[in-house]
């Protein structure tokens, strides 16, 4: 069973914001994530992914991506 709790880390101990109903002495696993407001979003590689886009000159690329990527037949015939 998985539960989510906000916690405060005091330098040595995670202190949950709400009660945690666990058996004392029982091992558990926690996954630590940092809230978005505390992280530097602009340094995320996906933040400015549109800057990597380039002009391919292929006018129907969005519609016919399977054709160009995998060689499948075109979905429809386009007049250029």
PDB file of N, CA and C in Angstrom:
ATOM      1  N   UNK A   1       0.845  -1.182   0.000  1.00  0.00           N
ATOM      2  CA  UNK A   1       0.000   0.000   0.000  1.00  0.00           C
ATOM      3  C   UNK A   1       0.891   1.246   0.000  1.00  0.00           C
ATOM      4  N   UNK A   2       0.534   2.232  -0.768  1.00  0.00           N
ATOM      5  CA  UNK A   2       1.306   3.473  -0.853  1.00  0.00           C
ATOM      6  C   UNK A   2       0.479   4.630  -0.305  1.00  0.00           C
ATOM      7  N   UNK A   3       1.146   5.505   0.425  1.00  0.00           N
ATOM      8  CA  UNK A   3       0.517   6.733   0.904  1.00  0.00           C
ATOM      9  C   UNK A   3       1.448   7.890   0.614  1.00  0.00           C
ATOM     10  N   UNK A   4       0.894   9.067   0.511  1.00  0.00           N
ATOM     11  CA  UNK A   4       1.679  10.267   0.261  1.00  0.00           C
ATOM     12  C   UNK A   4       1.520  11.211   1.449  1.00  0.00           C
ATOM     13  N   UNK A   5       2.621  11.712   1.938  1.00  0.00           N
ATOM     14  CA  UNK A   5       2.610  12.669   3.045  1.00  0.00           C
ATOM     15  C   UNK A   5       3.623  13.760   2.754  1.00  0.00           C
ATOM     16  N   UNK A   6       3.271  14.991   3.080  1.00  0.00           N
ATOM     17  CA  UNK A   6       4.247  16.071   3.049  1.00  0.00           C
ATOM     18  C   UNK A   6       5.094  15.939   4.305  1.00  0.00           C
ATOM     19  N   UNK A   7       6.390  16.140   4.151  1.00  0.00           N
ATOM     20  CA  UNK A   7       7.295  16.012   5.291  1.00  0.00           C
ATOM     21  C   UNK A   7       8.246  17.198   5.346  1.00  0.00           C
ATOM     22  N   UNK A   8       8.802  17.402   6.515  1.00  0.00           N
ATOM     23  CA  UNK A   8       9.854  18.393   6.717  1.00  0.00           C
ATOM     24  C   UNK A   8      11.092  17.625   7.137  1.00  0.00           C
ATOM     25  N   UNK A   9      12.199  17.865   6.460  1.00  0.00           N
ATOM     26  CA  UNK A   9      13.460  17.216   6.801  1.00  0.00           C
ATOM     27  C   UNK A   9      14.256  18.174   7.668  1.00  0.00           C
ATOM     28  N   UNK A  10      14.571  17.792   8.901  1.00  0.00           N
ATOM     29  CA  UNK A  10      15.260  18.694   9.820  1.00  0.00           C
ATOM     30  C   UNK A  10      16.782  18.528   9.812  1.00  0.00           C
ATOM     31  N   UNK A  11      17.295  17.789   8.846  1.00  0.00           N
ATOM     32  CA  UNK A  11      18.732  17.559   8.762  1.00  0.00           C
ATOM     33  C   UNK A  11      19.113  16.139   9.128  1.00  0.00           C
ATOM     34  N   UNK A  12      18.235  15.456   9.864  1.00  0.00           N
ATOM     35  CA  UNK A  12      18.508  14.062  10.203  1.00  0.00           C
ATOM     36  C   UNK A  12      17.253  13.201  10.232  1.00  0.00           C
ATOM     37  N   UNK A  13      16.097  13.806  10.368  1.00  0.00           N
ATOM     38  CA  UNK A  13      14.846  13.066  10.497  1.00  0.00           C
ATOM     39  C   UNK A  13      13.785  13.689   9.592  1.00  0.00           C
ATOM     40  N   UNK A  14      12.978  12.827   8.943  1.00  0.00           N
ATOM     41  CA  UNK A  14      11.827  13.302   8.194  1.00  0.00           C
ATOM     42  C   UNK A  14      10.648  13.392   9.156  1.00  0.00           C
ATOM     43  N   UNK A  15      10.041  14.550   9.229  1.00  0.00           N
ATOM     44  CA  UNK A  15       8.905  14.748  10.126  1.00  0.00           C
ATOM     45  C   UNK A  15       7.639  14.947   9.276  1.00  0.00           C
ATOM     46  N   UNK A  16       6.713  13.974   9.317  1.00  0.00           N
ATOM     47  CA  UNK A  16       5.502  14.063   8.507  1.00  0.00           C
ATOM     48  C   UNK A  16       4.565  15.161   8.998  1.00  0.00           C
ATOM     49  N   UNK A  17       3.803  15.740   8.052  1.00  0.00           N
ATOM     50  CA  UNK A  17       2.860  16.804   8.394  1.00  0.00           C
ATOM     51  C   UNK A  17       1.566  16.241   8.982  1.00  0.00           C
ATOM     52  N   UNK A  18       1.283  14.960   8.736  1.00  0.00           N
ATOM     53  CA  UNK A  18       0.090  14.293   9.265  1.00  0.00           C
ATOM     54  C   UNK A  18       0.531  12.973   9.901  1.00  0.00           C
ATOM     55  N   UNK A  19      -0.306  12.400  10.739  1.00  0.00           N
ATOM     56  CA  UNK A  19       0.047  11.113  11.344  1.00  0.00           C
ATOM     57  C   UNK A  19       0.292  10.034  10.282  1.00  0.00           C
ATOM     58  N   UNK A  20       1.251   9.178  10.574  1.00  0.00           N
ATOM     59  CA  UNK A  20       1.569   8.057   9.698  1.00  0.00           C
ATOM     60  C   UNK A  20       1.251   6.789  10.480  1.00  0.00           C
ATOM     61  N   UNK A  21       0.392   5.974   9.922  1.00  0.00           N
ATOM     62  CA  UNK A  21      -0.032   4.768  10.628  1.00  0.00           C
ATOM     63  C   UNK A  21       0.815   3.586  10.173  1.00  0.00           C
ATOM     64  N   UNK A  22       1.975   3.433  10.813  1.00  0.00           N
ATOM     65  CA  UNK A  22       2.888   2.340  10.521  1.00  0.00           C
ATOM     66  C   UNK A  22       3.226   1.620  11.816  1.00  0.00           C
ATOM     67  N   UNK A  23       3.507   0.351  11.692  1.00  0.00           N
ATOM     68  CA  UNK A  23       3.914  -0.441  12.847  1.00  0.00           C
ATOM     69  C   UNK A  23       5.333  -0.031  13.260  1.00  0.00           C
ATOM     70  N   UNK A  24       5.535   0.272  14.521  1.00  0.00           N
ATOM     71  CA  UNK A  24       6.847   0.681  15.019  1.00  0.00           C
ATOM     72  C   UNK A  24       7.857  -0.440  14.786  1.00  0.00           C
ATOM     73  N   UNK A  25       9.027  -0.092  14.309  1.00  0.00           N
ATOM     74  CA  UNK A  25      10.081  -1.057  14.063  1.00  0.00           C
ATOM     75  C   UNK A  25      10.008  -1.746  12.718  1.00  0.00           C
ATOM     76  N   UNK A  26       8.942  -1.528  11.986  1.00  0.00           N
ATOM     77  CA  UNK A  26       8.784  -2.150  10.668  1.00  0.00           C
ATOM     78  C   UNK A  26       9.491  -1.297   9.617  1.00  0.00           C
ATOM     79  N   UNK A  27      10.237  -1.946   8.736  1.00  0.00           N
ATOM     80  CA  UNK A  27      10.940  -1.222   7.677  1.00  0.00           C
ATOM     81  C   UNK A  27       9.955  -0.809   6.582  1.00  0.00           C
ATOM     82  N   UNK A  28      10.161   0.388   6.064  1.00  0.00           N
ATOM     83  CA  UNK A  28       9.371   0.917   4.951  1.00  0.00           C
ATOM     84  C   UNK A  28      10.321   1.614   4.003  1.00  0.00           C
ATOM     85  N   UNK A  29       9.861   1.911   2.824  1.00  0.00           N
ATOM     86  CA  UNK A  29      10.641   2.643   1.838  1.00  0.00           C
ATOM     87  C   UNK A  29       9.947   3.963   1.565  1.00  0.00           C
ATOM     88  N   UNK A  30      10.735   5.041   1.520  1.00  0.00           N
ATOM     89  CA  UNK A  30      10.158   6.328   1.149  1.00  0.00           C
ATOM     90  C   UNK A  30      10.815   6.809  -0.143  1.00  0.00           C
ATOM     91  N   UNK A  31      10.060   7.564  -0.909  1.00  0.00           N
ATOM     92  CA  UNK A  31      10.560   8.195  -2.126  1.00  0.00           C
ATOM     93  C   UNK A  31      10.484   9.696  -1.893  1.00  0.00           C
ATOM     94  N   UNK A  32      11.608  10.364  -2.029  1.00  0.00           N
ATOM     95  CA  UNK A  32      11.679  11.798  -1.747  1.00  0.00           C
ATOM     96  C   UNK A  32      11.644  12.567  -3.053  1.00  0.00           C
ATOM     97  N   UNK A  33      10.699  13.486  -3.176  1.00  0.00           N
ATOM     98  CA  UNK A  33      10.641  14.395  -4.322  1.00  0.00           C
ATOM     99  C   UNK A  33      10.582  15.820  -3.785  1.00  0.00           C
ATOM    100  N   UNK A  34      11.077  16.736  -4.562  1.00  0.00           N
ATOM    101  CA  UNK A  34      11.063  18.143  -4.178  1.00  0.00           C
ATOM    102  C   UNK A  34       9.899  18.821  -4.881  1.00  0.00           C
ATOM    103  N   UNK A  35       9.074  19.554  -4.142  1.00  0.00           N
ATOM    104  CA  UNK A  35       7.970  20.270  -4.779  1.00  0.00           C
ATOM    105  C   UNK A  35       8.481  21.223  -5.859  1.00  0.00           C
ATOM    106  N   UNK A  36       7.692  21.437  -6.887  1.00  0.00           N
ATOM    107  CA  UNK A  36       8.091  22.277  -8.011  1.00  0.00           C
ATOM    108  C   UNK A  36       8.481  23.672  -7.557  1.00  0.00           C
ATOM    109  N   UNK A  37       7.752  24.247  -6.608  1.00  0.00           N
ATOM    110  CA  UNK A  37       8.050  25.611  -6.185  1.00  0.00           C
ATOM    111  C   UNK A  37       9.410  25.718  -5.509  1.00  0.00           C
ATOM    112  N   UNK A  38       9.964  24.602  -5.018  1.00  0.00           N
ATOM    113  CA  UNK A  38      11.271  24.632  -4.377  1.00  0.00           C
ATOM    114  C   UNK A  38      12.407  24.331  -5.344  1.00  0.00           C
ATOM    115  N   UNK A  39      12.091  23.864  -6.540  1.00  0.00           N
ATOM    116  CA  UNK A  39      13.146  23.526  -7.493  1.00  0.00           C
ATOM    117  C   UNK A  39      13.281  24.629  -8.540  1.00  0.00           C
ATOM    118  N   UNK A  40      14.368  24.612  -9.271  1.00  0.00           N
ATOM    119  CA  UNK A  40      14.615  25.598 -10.305  1.00  0.00           C
ATOM    120  C   UNK A  40      14.099  25.042 -11.635  1.00  0.00           C
ATOM    121  N   UNK A  41      12.852  25.354 -11.945  1.00  0.00           N
ATOM    122  CA  UNK A  41      12.199  24.815 -13.126  1.00  0.00           C
ATOM    123  C   UNK A  41      12.944  25.187 -14.408  1.00  0.00           C
ATOM    124  N   UNK A  42      13.502  26.380 -14.467  1.00  0.00           N
ATOM    125  CA  UNK A  42      14.165  26.821 -15.692  1.00  0.00           C
ATOM    126  C   UNK A  42      15.413  26.015 -16.016  1.00  0.00           C
ATOM    127  N   UNK A  43      15.977  25.297 -15.053  1.00  0.00           N
ATOM    128  CA  UNK A  43      17.129  24.445 -15.319  1.00  0.00           C
ATOM    129  C   UNK A  43      16.731  23.029 -15.723  1.00  0.00           C
ATOM    130  N   UNK A  44      15.438  22.743 -15.737  1.00  0.00           N
ATOM    131  CA  UNK A  44      14.953  21.434 -16.179  1.00  0.00           C
ATOM    132  C   UNK A  44      15.177  21.335 -17.682  1.00  0.00           C
ATOM    133  N   UNK A  45      15.810  20.255 -18.175  1.00  0.00           N
ATOM    134  CA  UNK A  45      16.087  20.141 -19.609  1.00  0.00           C
ATOM    135  C   UNK A  45      14.840  20.230 -20.481  1.00  0.00           C
ATOM    136  N   UNK A  46      13.690  19.867 -19.952  1.00  0.00           N
ATOM    137  CA  UNK A  46      12.462  19.917 -20.744  1.00  0.00           C
ATOM    138  C   UNK A  46      11.824  21.306 -20.758  1.00  0.00           C
ATOM    139  N   UNK A  47      12.314  22.230 -19.942  1.00  0.00           N
ATOM    140  CA  UNK A  47      11.695  23.546 -19.822  1.00  0.00           C
ATOM    141  C   UNK A  47      11.668  24.287 -21.152  1.00  0.00           C
ATOM    142  N   UNK A  48      12.748  24.284 -21.888  1.00  0.00           N
ATOM    143  CA  UNK A  48      12.828  25.040 -23.129  1.00  0.00           C
ATOM    144  C   UNK A  48      13.035  24.108 -24.321  1.00  0.00           C
ATOM    145  N   UNK A  49      12.305  22.997 -24.333  1.00  0.00           N
ATOM    146  CA  UNK A  49      12.493  21.997 -25.383  1.00  0.00           C
ATOM    147  C   UNK A  49      12.137  22.541 -26.768  1.00  0.00           C
ATOM    148  N   UNK A  50      11.254  23.519 -26.816  1.00  0.00           N
ATOM    149  CA  UNK A  50      10.883  24.073 -28.117  1.00  0.00           C
ATOM    150  C   UNK A  50      12.067  24.750 -28.810  1.00  0.00           C
ATOM    151  N   UNK A  51      13.078  25.141 -28.048  1.00  0.00           N
ATOM    152  CA  UNK A  51      14.244  25.765 -28.664  1.00  0.00           C
ATOM    153  C   UNK A  51      15.049  24.776 -29.511  1.00  0.00           C
ATOM    154  N   UNK A  52      14.801  23.485 -29.320  1.00  0.00           N
ATOM    155  CA  UNK A  52      15.508  22.463 -30.088  1.00  0.00           C
ATOM    156  C   UNK A  52      14.840  22.172 -31.430  1.00  0.00           C
ATOM    157  N   UNK A  53      13.642  22.692 -31.630  1.00  0.00           N
ATOM    158  CA  UNK A  53      12.902  22.430 -32.868  1.00  0.00           C
ATOM    159  C   UNK A  53      13.599  23.093 -34.051  1.00  0.00           C
ATOM    160  N   UNK A  54      13.500  22.449 -35.179  1.00  0.00           N
ATOM    161  CA  UNK A  54      14.072  22.991 -36.403  1.00  0.00           C
ATOM    162  C   UNK A  54      13.104  22.796 -37.554  1.00  0.00           C
ATOM    163  N   UNK A  55      13.267  23.563 -38.600  1.00  0.00           N
ATOM    164  CA  UNK A  55      12.405  23.445 -39.773  1.00  0.00           C
ATOM    165  C   UNK A  55      12.901  22.292 -40.632  1.00  0.00           C
ATOM    166  N   UNK A  56      12.048  21.286 -40.814  1.00  0.00           N
ATOM    167  CA  UNK A  56      12.423  20.117 -41.612  1.00  0.00           C
ATOM    168  C   UNK A  56      12.060  20.298 -43.082  1.00  0.00           C
ATOM    169  N   UNK A  57      11.169  21.243 -43.348  1.00  0.00           N
ATOM    170  CA  UNK A  57      10.694  21.423 -44.710  1.00  0.00           C
ATOM    171  C   UNK A  57       9.638  20.397 -45.111  1.00  0.00           C
ATOM    172  N   UNK A  58       9.222  19.564 -44.196  1.00  0.00           N
ATOM    173  CA  UNK A  58       8.206  18.542 -44.468  1.00  0.00           C
ATOM    174  C   UNK A  58       6.880  19.077 -43.942  1.00  0.00           C
ATOM    175  N   UNK A  59       5.989  19.446 -44.853  1.00  0.00           N
ATOM    176  CA  UNK A  59       4.753  20.119 -44.460  1.00  0.00           C
ATOM    177  C   UNK A  59       3.750  19.206 -43.758  1.00  0.00           C
ATOM    178  N   UNK A  60       3.824  17.900 -43.988  1.00  0.00           N
ATOM    179  CA  UNK A  60       2.846  16.994 -43.384  1.00  0.00           C
ATOM    180  C   UNK A  60       3.469  16.099 -42.309  1.00  0.00           C
ATOM    181  N   UNK A  61       4.546  16.524 -41.709  1.00  0.00           N
ATOM    182  CA  UNK A  61       5.260  15.704 -40.730  1.00  0.00           C
ATOM    183  C   UNK A  61       4.386  15.315 -39.539  1.00  0.00           C
ATOM    184  N   UNK A  62       3.594  16.239 -39.033  1.00  0.00           N
ATOM    185  CA  UNK A  62       2.749  15.938 -37.875  1.00  0.00           C
ATOM    186  C   UNK A  62       1.702  14.880 -38.207  1.00  0.00           C
ATOM    187  N   UNK A  63       1.155  14.929 -39.408  1.00  0.00           N
ATOM    188  CA  UNK A  63       0.113  13.977 -39.812  1.00  0.00           C
ATOM    189  C   UNK A  63       0.716  12.629 -40.201  1.00  0.00           C
ATOM    190  N   UNK A  64       1.830  12.660 -40.880  1.00  0.00           N
ATOM    191  CA  UNK A  64       2.420  11.441 -41.445  1.00  0.00           C
ATOM    192  C   UNK A  64       3.686  10.988 -40.711  1.00  0.00           C
ATOM    193  N   UNK A  65       3.761  11.252 -39.405  1.00  0.00           N
ATOM    194  CA  UNK A  65       4.986  10.908 -38.672  1.00  0.00           C
ATOM    195  C   UNK A  65       5.341   9.430 -38.770  1.00  0.00           C
ATOM    196  N   UNK A  66       4.357   8.528 -38.765  1.00  0.00           N
ATOM    197  CA  UNK A  66       4.663   7.097 -38.877  1.00  0.00           C
ATOM    198  C   UNK A  66       5.296   6.765 -40.233  1.00  0.00           C
ATOM    199  N   UNK A  67       4.879   7.489 -41.258  1.00  0.00           N
ATOM    200  CA  UNK A  67       5.472   7.272 -42.582  1.00  0.00           C
ATOM    201  C   UNK A  67       6.957   7.658 -42.575  1.00  0.00           C
ATOM    202  N   UNK A  68       7.252   8.829 -42.017  1.00  0.00           N
ATOM    203  CA  UNK A  68       8.632   9.318 -42.023  1.00  0.00           C
ATOM    204  C   UNK A  68       9.523   8.593 -41.013  1.00  0.00           C
ATOM    205  N   UNK A  69       8.965   8.185 -39.880  1.00  0.00           N
ATOM    206  CA  UNK A  69       9.764   7.511 -38.865  1.00  0.00           C
ATOM    207  C   UNK A  69       9.932   6.017 -39.131  1.00  0.00           C
ATOM    208  N   UNK A  70       8.836   5.354 -39.554  1.00  0.00           N
ATOM    209  CA  UNK A  70       8.845   3.894 -39.635  1.00  0.00           C
ATOM    210  C   UNK A  70       8.627   3.339 -41.036  1.00  0.00           C
ATOM    211  N   UNK A  71       8.430   4.213 -42.031  1.00  0.00           N
ATOM    212  CA  UNK A  71       8.251   3.761 -43.396  1.00  0.00           C
ATOM    213  C   UNK A  71       6.869   3.202 -43.693  1.00  0.00           C
ATOM    214  N   UNK A  72       5.906   3.448 -42.825  1.00  0.00           N
ATOM    215  CA  UNK A  72       4.552   2.962 -43.058  1.00  0.00           C
ATOM    216  C   UNK A  72       3.927   3.769 -44.202  1.00  0.00           C
ATOM    217  N   UNK A  73       2.914   3.188 -44.869  1.00  0.00           N
ATOM    218  CA  UNK A  73       2.244   3.943 -45.936  1.00  0.00           C
ATOM    219  C   UNK A  73       1.629   5.234 -45.381  1.00  0.00           C
ATOM    220  N   UNK A  74       1.566   6.245 -46.217  1.00  0.00           N
ATOM    221  CA  UNK A  74       0.972   7.498 -45.794  1.00  0.00           C
ATOM    222  C   UNK A  74      -0.516   7.287 -45.502  1.00  0.00           C
ATOM    223  N   UNK A  75      -1.011   8.026 -44.512  1.00  0.00           N
ATOM    224  CA  UNK A  75      -2.402   7.934 -44.113  1.00  0.00           C
ATOM    225  C   UNK A  75      -3.313   8.464 -45.204  1.00  0.00           C
ATOM    226  N   UNK A  76      -2.906   9.554 -45.806  1.00  0.00           N
ATOM    227  CA  UNK A  76      -3.689  10.115 -46.901  1.00  0.00           C
ATOM    228  C   UNK A  76      -2.742  10.747 -47.894  1.00  0.00           C
ATOM    229  N   UNK A  77      -3.195  10.900 -49.082  1.00  0.00           N
ATOM    230  CA  UNK A  77      -2.365  11.521 -50.133  1.00  0.00           C
ATOM    231  C   UNK A  77      -2.604  13.016 -50.068  1.00  0.00           C
ATOM    232  N   UNK A  78      -1.531  13.763 -50.016  1.00  0.00           N
ATOM    233  CA  UNK A  78      -1.597  15.224 -49.921  1.00  0.00           C
ATOM    234  C   UNK A  78      -1.187  15.845 -51.234  1.00  0.00           C
ATOM    235  N   UNK A  79      -1.862  16.933 -51.548  1.00  0.00           N
ATOM    236  CA  UNK A  79      -1.445  17.698 -52.711  1.00  0.00           C
ATOM    237  C   UNK A  79      -0.466  18.756 -52.238  1.00  0.00           C
ATOM    238  N   UNK A  80       0.709  18.775 -52.798  1.00  0.00           N
ATOM    239  CA  UNK A  80       1.758  19.711 -52.373  1.00  0.00           C
ATOM    240  C   UNK A  80       1.679  20.977 -53.182  1.00  0.00           C
TER     241      UNK A  80
END
